[in-house]
C-alpha atoms as a PDB file:
ATOM      1  CA  MET A   1      16.627  34.816 -11.107  1.00  0.00           C
ATOM      2  CA  ASP A   2      13.558  33.198  -9.555  1.00  0.00           C
ATOM      3  CA  TYR A   3      11.647  31.395 -12.279  1.00  0.00           C
ATOM      4  CA  ASN A   4       8.845  30.456  -9.928  1.00  0.00           C
ATOM      5  CA  LYS A   5       7.467  33.906  -9.248  1.00  0.00           C
ATOM      6  CA  PRO A   6       3.665  33.840  -9.293  1.00  0.00           C
ATOM      7  CA  ASN A   7       2.116  34.157 -12.757  1.00  0.00           C
ATOM      8  CA  LYS A   8       5.438  34.044 -14.572  1.00  0.00           C
ATOM      9  CA  GLY A   9       5.125  31.736 -17.523  1.00  0.00           C
ATOM     10  CA  PHE A  10       3.047  28.774 -18.555  1.00  0.00           C
ATOM     11  CA  VAL A  11       4.497  26.312 -16.053  1.00  0.00           C
ATOM     12  CA  CYS A  12       3.736  28.546 -13.071  1.00  0.00           C
ATOM     13  CA  PHE A  13       0.236  29.211 -14.381  1.00  0.00           C
ATOM     14  CA  VAL A  14      -0.516  25.499 -14.750  1.00  0.00           C
ATOM     15  CA  TYR A  15       1.091  24.737 -11.378  1.00  0.00           C
ATOM     16  CA  ASP A  16      -1.061  27.351  -9.642  1.00  0.00           C
ATOM     17  CA  LEU A  17      -4.103  26.025 -11.499  1.00  0.00           C
ATOM     18  CA  GLY A  18      -3.322  22.522 -10.253  1.00  0.00           C
ATOM     19  CA  ARG A  19      -3.379  23.691  -6.642  1.00  0.00           C
ATOM     20  CA  LYS A  20      -7.047  24.709  -6.866  1.00  0.00           C
ATOM     21  CA  ARG A  21      -9.800  22.291  -5.915  1.00  0.00           C
ATOM     22  CA  ALA A  22     -12.295  23.718  -8.420  1.00  0.00           C
ATOM     23  CA  VAL A  23     -10.224  22.546 -11.397  1.00  0.00           C
ATOM     24  CA  TYR A  24     -10.502  18.914 -10.355  1.00  0.00           C
ATOM     25  CA  ILE A  25     -14.185  19.206  -9.506  1.00  0.00           C
ATOM     26  CA  VAL A  26     -14.922  20.727 -12.926  1.00  0.00           C
ATOM     27  CA  PHE A  27     -12.859  17.993 -14.608  1.00  0.00           C
ATOM     28  CA  ALA A  28     -14.776  15.298 -12.704  1.00  0.00           C
ATOM     29  CA  ALA A  29     -18.098  16.983 -13.542  1.00  0.00           C
ATOM     30  CA  ILE A  30     -17.276  17.053 -17.255  1.00  0.00           C
ATOM     31  CA  ILE A  31     -16.259  13.404 -17.214  1.00  0.00           C
ATOM     32  CA  GLY A  32     -19.356  12.545 -15.146  1.00  0.00           C
ATOM     33  CA  THR A  33     -21.553  14.272 -17.713  1.00  0.00           C
ATOM     34  CA  LEU A  34     -19.941  12.227 -20.467  1.00  0.00           C
ATOM     35  CA  VAL A  35     -20.519   9.044 -18.460  1.00  0.00           C
ATOM     36  CA  ALA A  36     -24.191   9.911 -18.004  1.00  0.00           C
ATOM     37  CA  GLU A  37     -24.540  10.733 -21.701  1.00  0.00           C
ATOM     38  CA  LEU A  38     -22.982   7.442 -22.773  1.00  0.00           C
ATOM     39  CA  TYR A  39     -24.992   5.464 -20.261  1.00  0.00           C
ATOM     40  CA  LEU A  40     -28.348   6.993 -21.132  1.00  0.00           C
ATOM     41  CA  ASN A  41     -27.933   6.955 -24.904  1.00  0.00           C
ATOM     42  CA  PHE A  42     -25.952   3.818 -25.716  1.00  0.00           C
ATOM     43  CA  LYS A  43     -26.402   1.340 -22.866  1.00  0.00           C
ATOM     44  CA  GLN A  44     -28.991  -0.743 -24.719  1.00  0.00           C
ATOM     45  CA  GLU A  45     -27.344  -0.609 -28.140  1.00  0.00           C
ATOM     46  CA  SER A  46     -23.984  -2.179 -27.527  1.00  0.00           C
ATOM     47  CA  PRO A  47     -22.398  -3.817 -24.487  1.00  0.00           C
ATOM     48  CA  GLU A  48     -18.984  -2.592 -25.637  1.00  0.00           C
ATOM     49  CA  PHE A  49     -19.811   0.859 -24.308  1.00  0.00           C
ATOM     50  CA  ASN A  50     -19.384  -0.537 -20.793  1.00  0.00           C
ATOM     51  CA  TYR A  51     -15.655  -0.401 -21.513  1.00  0.00           C
ATOM     52  CA  ALA A  52     -15.943   3.311 -22.231  1.00  0.00           C
ATOM     53  CA  LEU A  53     -17.941   3.843 -19.062  1.00  0.00           C
ATOM     54  CA  THR A  54     -15.319   2.042 -16.993  1.00  0.00           C
ATOM     55  CA  ALA A  55     -12.457   4.194 -18.258  1.00  0.00           C
ATOM     56  CA  LEU A  56     -14.352   7.446 -17.829  1.00  0.00           C
ATOM     57  CA  CYS A  57     -15.485   6.493 -14.312  1.00  0.00           C
ATOM     58  CA  VAL A  58     -11.899   5.703 -13.290  1.00  0.00           C
ATOM     59  CA  MET A  59     -10.796   9.121 -14.599  1.00  0.00           C
ATOM     60  CA  ALA A  60     -13.595  10.876 -12.690  1.00  0.00           C
ATOM     61  CA  VAL A  61     -12.759   9.057  -9.439  1.00  0.00           C
ATOM     62  CA  GLY A  62      -9.097  10.024  -9.860  1.00  0.00           C
ATOM     63  CA  ALA A  63     -10.080  13.671 -10.293  1.00  0.00           C
ATOM     64  CA  LEU A  64     -12.270  13.518  -7.189  1.00  0.00           C
ATOM     65  CA  ILE A  65      -9.405  12.019  -5.182  1.00  0.00           C
ATOM     66  CA  ALA A  66      -7.135  14.856  -6.308  1.00  0.00           C
ATOM     67  CA  ALA A  67      -9.868  17.345  -5.351  1.00  0.00           C
ATOM     68  CA  VAL A  68      -9.785  16.217  -1.705  1.00  0.00           C
ATOM     69  CA  ASN A  69      -6.763  18.426  -1.047  1.00  0.00           C
ATOM     70  CA  PRO A  70      -4.705  19.301  -4.131  1.00  0.00           C
ATOM     71  CA  LYS A  71      -1.967  20.946  -2.064  1.00  0.00           C
ATOM     72  CA  ILE A  72      -0.925  17.619  -0.522  1.00  0.00           C
ATOM     73  CA  PHE A  73       1.481  15.835  -2.846  1.00  0.00           C
ATOM     74  CA  ILE A  74       0.524  12.214  -2.140  1.00  0.00           C
ATOM     75  CA  ILE A  75      -3.213  12.787  -2.559  1.00  0.00           C
ATOM     76  CA  LYS A  76      -2.735  14.693  -5.802  1.00  0.00           C
ATOM     77  CA  LEU A  77      -0.304  12.089  -7.129  1.00  0.00           C
ATOM     78  CA  CYS A  78      -2.747   9.257  -6.338  1.00  0.00           C
ATOM     79  CA  GLY A  79      -5.492  11.147  -8.165  1.00  0.00           C
ATOM     80  CA  TYR A  80      -3.245  11.778 -11.177  1.00  0.00           C
ATOM     81  CA  LEU A  81      -2.114   8.170 -11.340  1.00  0.00           C
ATOM     82  CA  LEU A  82      -5.657   6.838 -11.076  1.00  0.00           C
ATOM     83  CA  SER A  83      -6.807   9.219 -13.809  1.00  0.00           C
ATOM     84  CA  LEU A  84      -3.888   8.197 -16.010  1.00  0.00           C
ATOM     85  CA  ILE A  85      -4.805   4.546 -15.425  1.00  0.00           C
ATOM     86  CA  GLY A  86      -8.302   5.469 -16.630  1.00  0.00           C
ATOM     87  CA  VAL A  87      -6.795   7.030 -19.751  1.00  0.00           C
ATOM     88  CA  MET A  88      -4.765   3.868 -20.369  1.00  0.00           C
ATOM     89  CA  ILE A  89      -7.866   1.715 -19.899  1.00  0.00           C
ATOM     90  CA  GLY A  90      -9.706   3.955 -22.337  1.00  0.00           C
ATOM     91  CA  LEU A  91      -6.992   3.802 -24.965  1.00  0.00           C
ATOM     92  CA  HIS A  92      -6.771   0.031 -24.559  1.00  0.00           C
ATOM     93  CA  ASN A  93     -10.521  -0.372 -24.987  1.00  0.00           C
ATOM     94  CA  ILE A  94     -10.683   1.764 -28.111  1.00  0.00           C
ATOM     95  CA  ASN A  95      -9.696  -1.308 -30.097  1.00  0.00           C
ATOM     96  CA  LEU A  96     -12.723  -3.130 -28.686  1.00  0.00           C
ATOM     97  CA  LEU A  97     -14.988  -0.211 -29.564  1.00  0.00           C
ATOM     98  CA  SER A  98     -13.691  -0.042 -33.119  1.00  0.00           C
ATOM     99  CA  HIS A  99     -15.633  -3.211 -33.950  1.00  0.00           C
ATOM    100  CA  THR A 100     -18.964  -1.457 -33.395  1.00  0.00           C
ATOM    101  CA  GLU A 101     -19.522  -0.045 -36.848  1.00  0.00           C
ATOM    102  CA  GLN A 102     -22.976   1.430 -36.249  1.00  0.00           C
ATOM    103  CA  ASN A 103     -21.606   4.110 -33.893  1.00  0.00           C
ATOM    104  CA  SER A 104     -18.410   5.234 -35.577  1.00  0.00           C
ATOM    105  CA  ALA A 105     -19.048   8.895 -34.718  1.00  0.00           C
ATOM    106  CA  VAL A 106     -19.379   8.019 -31.041  1.00  0.00           C
ATOM    107  CA  PHE A 107     -16.221   5.922 -31.262  1.00  0.00           C
ATOM    108  CA  SER A 108     -14.293   8.843 -32.777  1.00  0.00           C
ATOM    109  CA  ALA A 109     -15.611  11.258 -30.162  1.00  0.00           C
ATOM    110  CA  TYR A 110     -14.703   8.844 -27.369  1.00  0.00           C
ATOM    111  CA  PHE A 111     -11.170   8.495 -28.741  1.00  0.00           C
ATOM    112  CA  TYR A 112     -10.615  12.252 -28.828  1.00  0.00           C
ATOM    113  CA  ILE A 113     -12.158  12.760 -25.386  1.00  0.00           C
ATOM    114  CA  VAL A 114      -9.837  10.179 -23.843  1.00  0.00           C
ATOM    115  CA  LEU A 115      -6.893  11.644 -25.747  1.00  0.00           C
ATOM    116  CA  LEU A 116      -7.641  15.192 -24.538  1.00  0.00           C
ATOM    117  CA  CYS A 117      -8.080  14.010 -20.944  1.00  0.00           C
ATOM    118  CA  GLY A 118      -4.710  12.277 -21.139  1.00  0.00           C
ATOM    119  CA  LEU A 119      -3.098  15.392 -22.585  1.00  0.00           C
ATOM    120  CA  TYR A 120      -4.616  17.550 -19.851  1.00  0.00           C
ATOM    121  CA  LEU A 121      -3.375  15.227 -17.112  1.00  0.00           C
ATOM    122  CA  MET A 122       0.110  14.973 -18.592  1.00  0.00           C
ATOM    123  CA  VAL A 123       0.444  18.760 -18.880  1.00  0.00           C
ATOM    124  CA  MET A 124      -0.651  19.164 -15.257  1.00  0.00           C
ATOM    125  CA  LEU A 125       1.732  16.469 -14.040  1.00  0.00           C
ATOM    126  CA  LEU A 126       4.711  17.616 -16.104  1.00  0.00           C
ATOM    127  CA  SER A 127       4.256  21.246 -15.104  1.00  0.00           C
ATOM    128  CA  TRP A 128       4.263  20.145 -11.471  1.00  0.00           C
ATOM    129  CA  PHE A 129       7.567  18.300 -11.994  1.00  0.00           C
ATOM    130  CA  VAL A 130       9.147  21.201 -13.912  1.00  0.00           C
ATOM    131  CA  TYR A 131       8.031  23.708 -11.282  1.00  0.00           C
ATOM    132  CA  ASN A 132       9.562  21.674  -8.469  1.00  0.00           C
ATOM    133  CA  ALA A 133      12.732  20.959 -10.453  1.00  0.00           C
ATOM    134  CA  ARG A 134      13.222  24.689 -10.917  1.00  0.00           C
ATOM    135  CA  SER A 135      12.589  25.294  -7.229  1.00  0.00           C
ATOM    136  CA  SER A 136      15.196  22.722  -6.231  1.00  0.00           C
ATOM    137  CA  GLU A 137      17.762  24.408  -8.481  1.00  0.00           C
ATOM    138  CA  ILE A 138      17.143  27.747  -6.823  1.00  0.00           C
ATOM    139  CA  ASN A 139      16.410  26.766  -3.234  1.00  0.00           C
ATOM    140  CA  GLU A 140      18.318  24.206  -1.243  1.00  0.00           C
ATOM    141  CA  ILE A 141      16.331  21.081  -0.519  1.00  0.00           C
END
């Protein structure tokens, strides 16, 4: 039984989605919009928001690297790893942002945005690994 037939199951759907350039461009555009929003609204209030900008910019650059050619493994892996480094930077800097009490709603939103970006990237990466593990069981390498 070939588990990797097109459009058969969640893993194949996510794998096929990860091979499209538009997904990474939309992801980078969403993150870029969040960067612009943070920069324009909170740049003067607190210097701690520079940490948030750094993490979001690293995630956006990683998505743009993956968008160069998502069908080439090395390029996509470099983009994923750079975006995951951005997520780790963001989660590390959340502790620094927790000291700004005047913007607790922004802090909470930033936490959930970084968390959702990390979840999205992990699902994409894990579905890629599962898809290829299934292929290697069926087809000889």
